[in-house]
Protein backbone atom coordinates (compact mmCIF):
# COMPACT_ATOMS: atom_id res chain seq x y z
CA UNK A 1 34.79 -174.48 -11.07
CA UNK A 2 36.30 -177.89 -11.45
CA UNK A 3 34.90 -180.47 -14.00
CA UNK A 4 32.76 -182.47 -11.66
CA UNK A 5 32.09 -185.18 -14.12
CA UNK A 6 35.74 -186.46 -14.35
CA UNK A 7 37.06 -185.53 -11.01
CA UNK A 8 37.82 -188.57 -8.86
CA UNK A 9 36.62 -187.36 -5.23
CA UNK A 10 39.02 -189.48 -3.18
CA UNK A 11 41.40 -188.59 -0.30
CA UNK A 12 44.69 -189.86 -2.16
CA UNK A 13 43.88 -187.81 -5.21
CA UNK A 14 43.09 -184.82 -2.92
CA UNK A 15 46.37 -185.17 -0.97
CA UNK A 16 48.28 -185.27 -4.13
CA UNK A 17 46.59 -182.20 -5.63
CA UNK A 18 47.08 -180.17 -2.67
CA UNK A 19 50.79 -181.15 -2.30
CA UNK A 20 51.37 -179.98 -5.85
CA UNK A 21 49.75 -176.71 -5.29
CA UNK A 22 51.68 -176.09 -2.12
CA UNK A 23 54.99 -177.22 -3.77
CA UNK A 24 54.27 -174.49 -6.64
CA UNK A 25 53.62 -171.79 -3.97
CA UNK A 26 56.71 -172.75 -2.06
CA UNK A 27 58.96 -172.49 -5.21
CA UNK A 28 57.42 -169.05 -5.97
CA UNK A 29 58.09 -167.86 -2.32
CA UNK A 30 61.57 -169.25 -2.07
CA UNK A 31 63.50 -166.19 -3.05
CA UNK A 32 61.85 -164.09 -0.13
CA UNK A 33 61.14 -166.92 2.38
CA UNK A 34 62.56 -170.38 3.23
CA UNK A 35 60.80 -170.82 6.49
CA UNK A 36 58.02 -173.27 7.24
CA UNK A 37 54.65 -172.90 5.46
CA UNK A 38 51.67 -173.92 7.57
CA UNK A 39 49.30 -175.97 5.37
CA UNK A 40 45.55 -176.11 6.12
CA UNK A 41 43.82 -178.96 4.04
CA UNK A 42 40.10 -178.91 3.44
CA UNK A 43 37.72 -181.86 3.69
CA UNK A 44 37.67 -183.29 0.12
CA UNK A 45 33.91 -183.16 -0.32
CA UNK A 46 31.03 -181.26 1.31
CA UNK A 47 33.03 -178.12 1.86
CA UNK A 48 31.48 -175.57 -0.41
CA UNK A 49 28.72 -173.38 1.42
CA UNK A 50 27.51 -171.66 -1.88
CA UNK A 51 26.87 -172.80 -5.43
CA UNK A 52 25.33 -171.49 -8.60
CA UNK A 53 23.63 -173.62 -11.33
CA UNK A 54 22.33 -172.88 -14.71
CA UNK A 55 18.82 -174.11 -15.32
CA UNK A 56 18.17 -175.90 -18.72
CA UNK A 57 14.65 -176.90 -20.00
CA UNK A 58 13.94 -179.87 -22.09
CA UNK A 59 10.52 -181.42 -22.68
CA UNK A 60 8.81 -179.31 -19.97
CA UNK A 61 11.35 -180.31 -17.40
CA UNK A 62 14.10 -178.32 -15.84
CA UNK A 63 17.46 -179.58 -14.72
CA UNK A 64 20.73 -178.20 -13.14
CA UNK A 65 23.62 -177.48 -15.41
CA UNK A 66 27.13 -176.09 -15.26
CA UNK A 67 29.80 -175.27 -17.93
CA UNK A 68 33.26 -176.64 -18.43
CA UNK A 69 36.21 -174.36 -17.47
CA UNK A 70 36.84 -172.11 -20.52
CA UNK A 71 33.55 -173.30 -22.26
CA UNK A 72 30.17 -171.72 -22.62
CA UNK A 73 28.49 -175.11 -23.38
CA UNK A 74 26.54 -176.44 -20.29
CA UNK A 75 26.48 -180.04 -19.14
CA UNK A 76 23.75 -181.53 -16.81
CA UNK A 77 24.57 -181.83 -13.09
CA UNK A 78 22.63 -184.39 -11.03
CA UNK A 79 24.90 -184.36 -7.74
CA UNK A 80 27.22 -181.87 -6.34
CA UNK A 81 29.92 -183.74 -4.14
CA UNK A 82 31.84 -180.67 -3.15
CA UNK A 83 28.60 -179.03 -2.02
CA UNK A 84 27.56 -178.84 1.61
CA UNK A 85 25.18 -181.37 2.90
CA UNK A 86 22.30 -179.04 2.84
CA UNK A 87 22.96 -177.99 -0.77
CA UNK A 88 22.92 -181.67 -1.71
CA UNK A 89 19.62 -182.15 0.25
CA UNK A 90 18.01 -179.08 -1.25
CA UNK A 91 18.87 -179.80 -5.01
CA UNK A 92 16.62 -182.80 -5.81
CA UNK A 93 13.82 -181.41 -3.47
CA UNK A 94 13.87 -178.05 -5.08
CA UNK A 95 14.02 -179.50 -8.63
CA UNK A 96 11.02 -181.60 -7.81
CA UNK A 97 8.88 -178.75 -6.72
CA UNK A 98 10.03 -176.61 -9.63
CA UNK A 99 9.15 -179.31 -12.28
CA UNK A 100 5.73 -179.79 -10.56
CA UNK A 101 4.92 -176.01 -10.86
CA UNK A 102 4.79 -174.18 -14.25
CA UNK A 103 4.65 -170.95 -12.20
CA UNK A 104 7.99 -171.67 -10.65
CA UNK A 105 9.58 -173.37 -13.76
CA UNK A 106 8.52 -170.71 -16.44
CA UNK A 107 11.72 -169.00 -17.71
CA UNK A 108 13.70 -170.01 -14.55
CA UNK A 109 17.27 -169.25 -15.74
CA UNK A 110 19.45 -170.08 -12.81
CA UNK A 111 19.48 -171.17 -9.11
CA UNK A 112 22.00 -170.00 -6.28
CA UNK A 113 22.37 -171.82 -3.10
CA UNK A 114 23.86 -170.08 0.03
CA UNK A 115 24.22 -172.24 3.13
CA UNK A 116 26.20 -172.27 6.37
CA UNK A 117 28.02 -174.71 8.49
CA UNK A 118 25.54 -173.99 11.08
CA UNK A 119 22.57 -175.32 9.00
CA UNK A 120 20.99 -172.12 7.55
CA UNK A 121 20.14 -171.80 3.91
CA UNK A 122 18.92 -169.39 1.26
CA UNK A 123 17.81 -170.24 -2.35
CA UNK A 124 17.60 -167.57 -4.96
CA UNK A 125 15.64 -168.37 -8.04
CA UNK A 126 16.59 -166.08 -11.12
CA UNK A 127 14.31 -165.70 -14.05
CA UNK A 128 13.88 -164.08 -17.50
CA UNK A 129 10.61 -162.78 -16.74
CA UNK A 130 8.88 -160.33 -14.22
CA UNK A 131 7.84 -162.02 -10.98
CA UNK A 132 4.13 -161.43 -10.15
CA UNK A 133 1.79 -162.26 -7.17
CA UNK A 134 1.21 -165.77 -8.62
CA UNK A 135 5.00 -166.54 -8.27
CA UNK A 136 5.16 -165.06 -4.90
CA UNK A 137 2.34 -167.23 -3.51
CA UNK A 138 3.92 -170.34 -5.09
CA UNK A 139 7.31 -169.58 -3.76
CA UNK A 140 6.02 -168.84 -0.30
CA UNK A 141 4.63 -172.36 -0.28
CA UNK A 142 8.03 -173.70 -1.59
CA UNK A 143 9.81 -171.88 1.30
CA UNK A 144 7.54 -173.58 3.80
CA UNK A 145 8.07 -177.07 2.38
CA UNK A 146 11.83 -176.75 2.10
CA UNK A 147 12.25 -174.94 5.33
CA UNK A 148 14.81 -172.39 3.84
CA UNK A 149 14.64 -168.98 2.95
CA UNK A 150 13.49 -168.35 -0.75
CA UNK A 151 13.90 -165.27 -2.85
CA UNK A 152 13.46 -164.29 -6.45
CA UNK A 153 15.34 -162.26 -8.87
CA UNK A 154 14.78 -160.95 -12.49
CA UNK A 155 15.97 -157.90 -14.32
CA UNK A 156 15.52 -154.86 -12.18
CA UNK A 157 13.49 -156.90 -9.62
CA UNK A 158 14.34 -158.42 -6.28
CA UNK A 159 11.62 -160.34 -4.44
CA UNK A 160 12.50 -161.14 -0.90
CA UNK A 161 9.84 -163.25 0.78
CA UNK A 162 11.40 -163.36 4.28
CA UNK A 163 15.17 -162.56 4.25
CA UNK A 164 17.95 -162.16 1.64
CA UNK A 165 20.72 -163.52 4.16
CA UNK A 166 21.85 -166.55 6.15
CA UNK A 167 23.50 -166.53 9.66
CA UNK A 168 26.83 -168.28 10.08
CA UNK A 169 28.54 -169.11 13.36
CA UNK A 170 32.34 -169.69 13.22
CA UNK A 171 34.54 -170.67 16.17
CA UNK A 172 37.91 -168.70 16.39
CA UNK A 173 39.90 -169.94 19.46
CA UNK A 174 37.51 -169.88 22.42
CA UNK A 175 35.02 -167.31 20.70
CA UNK A 176 31.91 -168.11 18.77
CA UNK A 177 31.53 -165.42 16.14
CA UNK A 178 28.14 -164.69 14.22
CA UNK A 179 28.09 -163.44 10.73
CA UNK A 180 25.23 -162.39 8.62
CA UNK A 181 25.90 -163.35 4.96
CA UNK A 182 23.93 -161.52 2.45
CA UNK A 183 23.02 -162.97 -0.91
CA UNK A 184 24.52 -160.48 -3.04
CA UNK A 185 27.69 -159.86 -0.95
CA UNK A 186 31.01 -161.92 -1.29
CA UNK A 187 31.42 -164.68 1.40
CA UNK A 188 34.22 -167.27 1.82
CA UNK A 189 32.81 -170.45 0.21
CA UNK A 190 34.62 -172.99 2.27
CA UNK A 191 33.47 -172.36 6.01
CA UNK A 192 35.89 -174.87 7.62
CA UNK A 193 38.84 -173.22 5.95
CA UNK A 194 37.56 -169.81 6.68
CA UNK A 195 37.77 -170.78 10.42
CA UNK A 196 41.28 -171.84 9.80
CA UNK A 197 42.13 -168.55 8.11
CA UNK A 198 40.63 -166.63 10.91
CA UNK A 199 42.43 -168.54 13.64
CA UNK A 200 45.78 -168.12 11.80
CA UNK A 201 45.33 -164.43 11.24
CA UNK A 202 44.11 -164.10 14.85
CA UNK A 203 47.38 -165.80 16.20
CA UNK A 204 49.49 -163.35 14.15
CA UNK A 205 47.90 -160.49 15.98
CA UNK A 206 48.14 -161.52 19.61
CA UNK A 207 51.09 -159.34 20.52
CA UNK A 208 49.88 -156.24 18.52
CA UNK A 209 50.18 -152.76 19.78
CA UNK A 210 48.73 -149.65 18.20
CA UNK A 211 45.93 -149.36 15.68
CA UNK A 212 44.95 -151.43 12.71
CA UNK A 213 44.16 -150.27 9.18
CA UNK A 214 42.12 -152.89 7.18
CA UNK A 215 41.49 -152.53 3.50
CA UNK A 216 38.94 -154.55 1.47
CA UNK A 217 37.09 -155.55 4.74
CA UNK A 218 33.94 -156.88 2.95
CA UNK A 219 31.27 -157.93 5.35
CA UNK A 220 33.73 -157.91 8.31
CA UNK A 221 34.91 -161.49 8.19
CA UNK A 222 38.41 -160.70 9.45
CA UNK A 223 37.37 -157.36 11.13
CA UNK A 224 35.25 -159.16 13.78
CA UNK A 225 37.97 -161.65 14.53
CA UNK A 226 40.90 -159.40 14.78
CA UNK A 227 39.73 -156.06 16.28
CA UNK A 228 40.12 -157.04 19.87
CA UNK A 229 43.86 -157.10 19.47
CA UNK A 230 44.16 -153.46 18.62
CA UNK A 231 43.40 -150.21 20.44
CA UNK A 232 41.33 -148.93 17.30
CA UNK A 233 40.61 -150.16 13.87
CA UNK A 234 39.84 -148.21 10.77
CA UNK A 235 38.34 -150.47 8.07
CA UNK A 236 37.44 -149.77 4.46
CA UNK A 237 35.17 -151.36 1.94
CA UNK A 238 33.76 -149.99 -1.44
CA UNK A 239 30.56 -152.03 -1.58
CA UNK A 240 27.57 -150.43 0.01
CA UNK A 241 25.96 -153.79 0.78
CA UNK A 242 29.07 -155.19 2.37
CA UNK A 243 29.53 -152.07 4.39
CA UNK A 244 26.07 -152.31 5.76
CA UNK A 245 26.51 -156.04 6.53
CA UNK A 246 29.93 -155.44 8.20
CA UNK A 247 28.34 -152.78 10.44
CA UNK A 248 25.71 -155.26 11.58
CA UNK A 249 28.22 -158.00 12.21
CA UNK A 250 30.38 -155.85 14.28
CA UNK A 251 27.36 -154.85 16.43
CA UNK A 252 26.21 -158.53 16.83
CA UNK A 253 29.74 -159.48 18.12
CA UNK A 254 29.84 -156.42 20.39
CA UNK A 255 32.94 -155.05 18.62
CA UNK A 256 33.13 -151.32 19.52
CA UNK A 257 36.57 -150.13 18.61
CA UNK A 258 36.02 -150.13 14.80
CA UNK A 259 35.34 -147.21 12.47
CA UNK A 260 34.11 -148.37 9.11
CA UNK A 261 34.06 -146.14 6.04
CA UNK A 262 32.88 -146.85 2.48
CA UNK A 263 36.04 -145.86 0.50
CA UNK A 264 38.33 -147.42 -2.02
CA UNK A 265 41.99 -148.43 -0.89
CA UNK A 266 43.28 -145.69 -3.40
CA UNK A 267 41.12 -142.90 -1.69
CA UNK A 268 42.03 -143.91 1.92
CA UNK A 269 45.71 -143.83 0.85
CA UNK A 270 45.18 -140.23 -0.47
CA UNK A 271 43.46 -139.33 2.69
CA UNK A 272 46.27 -140.69 4.91
CA UNK A 273 48.73 -138.76 2.84
CA UNK A 274 46.85 -135.57 2.98
CA UNK A 275 46.38 -135.20 -0.71
CA UNK A 276 42.87 -134.27 -0.56
CA UNK A 277 39.89 -134.29 2.00
CA UNK A 278 37.07 -136.68 1.91
CA UNK A 279 33.62 -135.89 3.19
CA UNK A 280 33.20 -139.65 4.34
CA UNK A 281 36.21 -139.02 6.69
CA UNK A 282 34.87 -135.71 8.01
CA UNK A 283 34.06 -137.31 11.38
CA UNK A 284 37.31 -139.18 11.79
CA UNK A 285 40.58 -137.58 12.94
CA UNK A 286 43.20 -139.57 10.98
CA UNK A 287 46.06 -137.82 12.61
CA UNK A 288 45.09 -139.44 16.05
CA UNK A 289 45.41 -143.03 14.73
CA UNK A 290 48.71 -144.85 15.67
CA UNK A 291 48.69 -147.44 12.82
CA UNK A 292 50.98 -150.15 13.46
CA UNK A 293 49.58 -153.13 11.46
CA UNK A 294 48.04 -153.11 7.86
CA UNK A 295 45.60 -155.97 7.00
CA UNK A 296 44.57 -156.52 3.36
CA UNK A 297 42.66 -159.24 1.65
CA UNK A 298 42.58 -157.83 -1.79
CA UNK A 299 40.76 -158.98 -5.17
CA UNK A 300 42.69 -161.25 -7.37
CA UNK A 301 44.54 -158.39 -8.99
CA UNK A 302 46.38 -157.57 -5.67
CA UNK A 303 47.42 -154.27 -4.40
CA UNK A 304 47.80 -151.14 -6.70
CA UNK A 305 50.79 -149.03 -6.81
CA UNK A 306 49.59 -146.45 -4.46
CA UNK A 307 48.42 -148.87 -1.83
CA UNK A 308 51.68 -150.70 -2.05
CA UNK A 309 53.55 -147.48 -1.30
CA UNK A 310 51.36 -146.86 1.65
CA UNK A 311 51.80 -150.54 2.90
CA UNK A 312 55.87 -149.94 2.94
CA UNK A 313 55.34 -147.60 5.78
CA UNK A 314 53.79 -150.05 8.22
CA UNK A 315 55.46 -151.88 10.92
CA UNK A 316 53.60 -155.10 10.12
CA UNK A 317 51.52 -156.25 6.97
CA UNK A 318 49.12 -159.08 7.30
CA UNK A 319 48.26 -160.19 3.70
CA UNK A 320 45.75 -162.75 2.77
CA UNK A 321 45.64 -163.48 -1.00
CA UNK A 322 43.45 -165.71 -3.27
CA UNK A 323 45.99 -165.29 -6.09
CA UNK A 324 49.71 -166.30 -5.28
CA UNK A 325 50.86 -164.76 -8.48
CA UNK A 326 49.65 -161.26 -7.94
CA UNK A 327 50.85 -161.68 -4.32
CA UNK A 328 54.32 -162.41 -5.39
CA UNK A 329 54.34 -159.36 -7.59
CA UNK A 330 53.48 -157.40 -4.43
CA UNK A 331 56.04 -159.18 -2.36
CA UNK A 332 58.89 -158.10 -4.75
CA UNK A 333 58.08 -154.54 -3.99
CA UNK A 334 57.63 -154.98 -0.42
CA UNK A 335 60.92 -156.97 -0.04
CA UNK A 336 62.79 -153.67 -0.18
CA UNK A 337 61.26 -152.67 3.24
CA UNK A 338 59.81 -155.92 4.75
CA UNK A 339 60.82 -159.37 5.54
CA UNK A 340 58.29 -162.51 5.53
CA UNK A 341 58.12 -163.92 9.18
CA UNK A 342 55.24 -166.29 8.70
CA UNK A 343 53.44 -168.06 5.83
CA UNK A 344 50.38 -170.24 5.45
CA UNK A 345 48.52 -171.99 2.58
CA UNK A 346 44.69 -172.50 2.98
CA UNK A 347 43.07 -174.98 0.65
CA UNK A 348 39.93 -172.82 0.08
CA UNK A 349 39.30 -174.34 -3.40
CA UNK A 350 39.92 -178.13 -3.57
CA UNK A 351 39.93 -179.71 -6.93
CA UNK A 352 40.99 -176.55 -8.68
CA UNK A 353 44.42 -174.95 -9.23
CA UNK A 354 43.56 -172.12 -6.89
CA UNK A 355 45.17 -171.62 -3.46
CA UNK A 356 44.40 -169.11 -0.67
CA UNK A 357 47.70 -167.99 1.14
CA UNK A 358 48.72 -165.80 3.93
CA UNK A 359 51.82 -163.92 4.83
CA UNK A 360 53.03 -161.84 7.64
CA UNK A 361 55.58 -159.24 6.77
CA UNK A 362 57.47 -157.10 9.14
CA UNK A 363 59.70 -154.00 8.50
CA UNK A 364 63.30 -154.50 8.24
CA UNK A 365 63.85 -151.11 9.99
CA UNK A 366 61.83 -148.85 12.13
CA UNK A 367 58.18 -148.04 10.92
CA UNK A 368 57.73 -144.73 9.11
CA UNK A 369 54.07 -144.25 9.76
CA UNK A 370 52.88 -142.49 12.96
């Protein structure tokens, strides 16, 4: 995370930083694409829906701390300008209650905030001790005072007082989509940019035919938004918590044409290629799918060699990436079979060198996958 002490949070600095990031991405992409890149800026402050802080103790008082990039030495944090309004409201109030209660303060190691643009919040207190009944009673009082969900964690212990999730509502076109975001699962940190990503991806799929294969679907962030453009969707994710949450999100948004399986991208590739059977696919007849589009939002490492080989057989590939470097490594392989027809840059992480990007790739010749 950016060095919050030295950052100048003003619009002129923000615009210059974003322009530099987009220029770097444009240069990387130029060999394969010279068309327009749609750029989606963030608001400069108040955009981050989640935050994690170390808790340091001095003279029987606790305070928030973070570490410099590349350093393990923490520095105190009193404000968090990039955090959501709710995070900034909760930070001083929570610390006040913690410092007034030895039960809440004792061996408190870290605090995690998870909020939504629709005003929901969850605070996780993380300890280097086992949580007992006395802690639970005090935390319940804290939950009532702050009017957000509180939960506690320590080694091999998870204490949920009411819930371990928040509920987010995002608008994509004319639709209002509801998402459960669970404390331990990945969620997009910038809700405003997430809406723009969903809208951009949604627009790329309006003329779709056939079926969609989605890899790395997480909690269904894109699945919920894109499924209605396809006859059927097969979505995969390896995290058990994410799969459970994705199923809930699909149901809550009345999405009924998705089969969701807990499998890695490598395994689903082997299944499609008929290399070996998988019990988790026993109820699914893969041969009856007519895949036309592949959607991927992979980890920072990008797509592995087997998944890349599978991707080359799709008519269209919609690729969202949090790492332009690994994306370009993949594009160099895909360029043999596909051309880029649309590109976008989403400033998911202002005040950092990171840039979220999207590409639509279409096969140069006819598709090879049934």
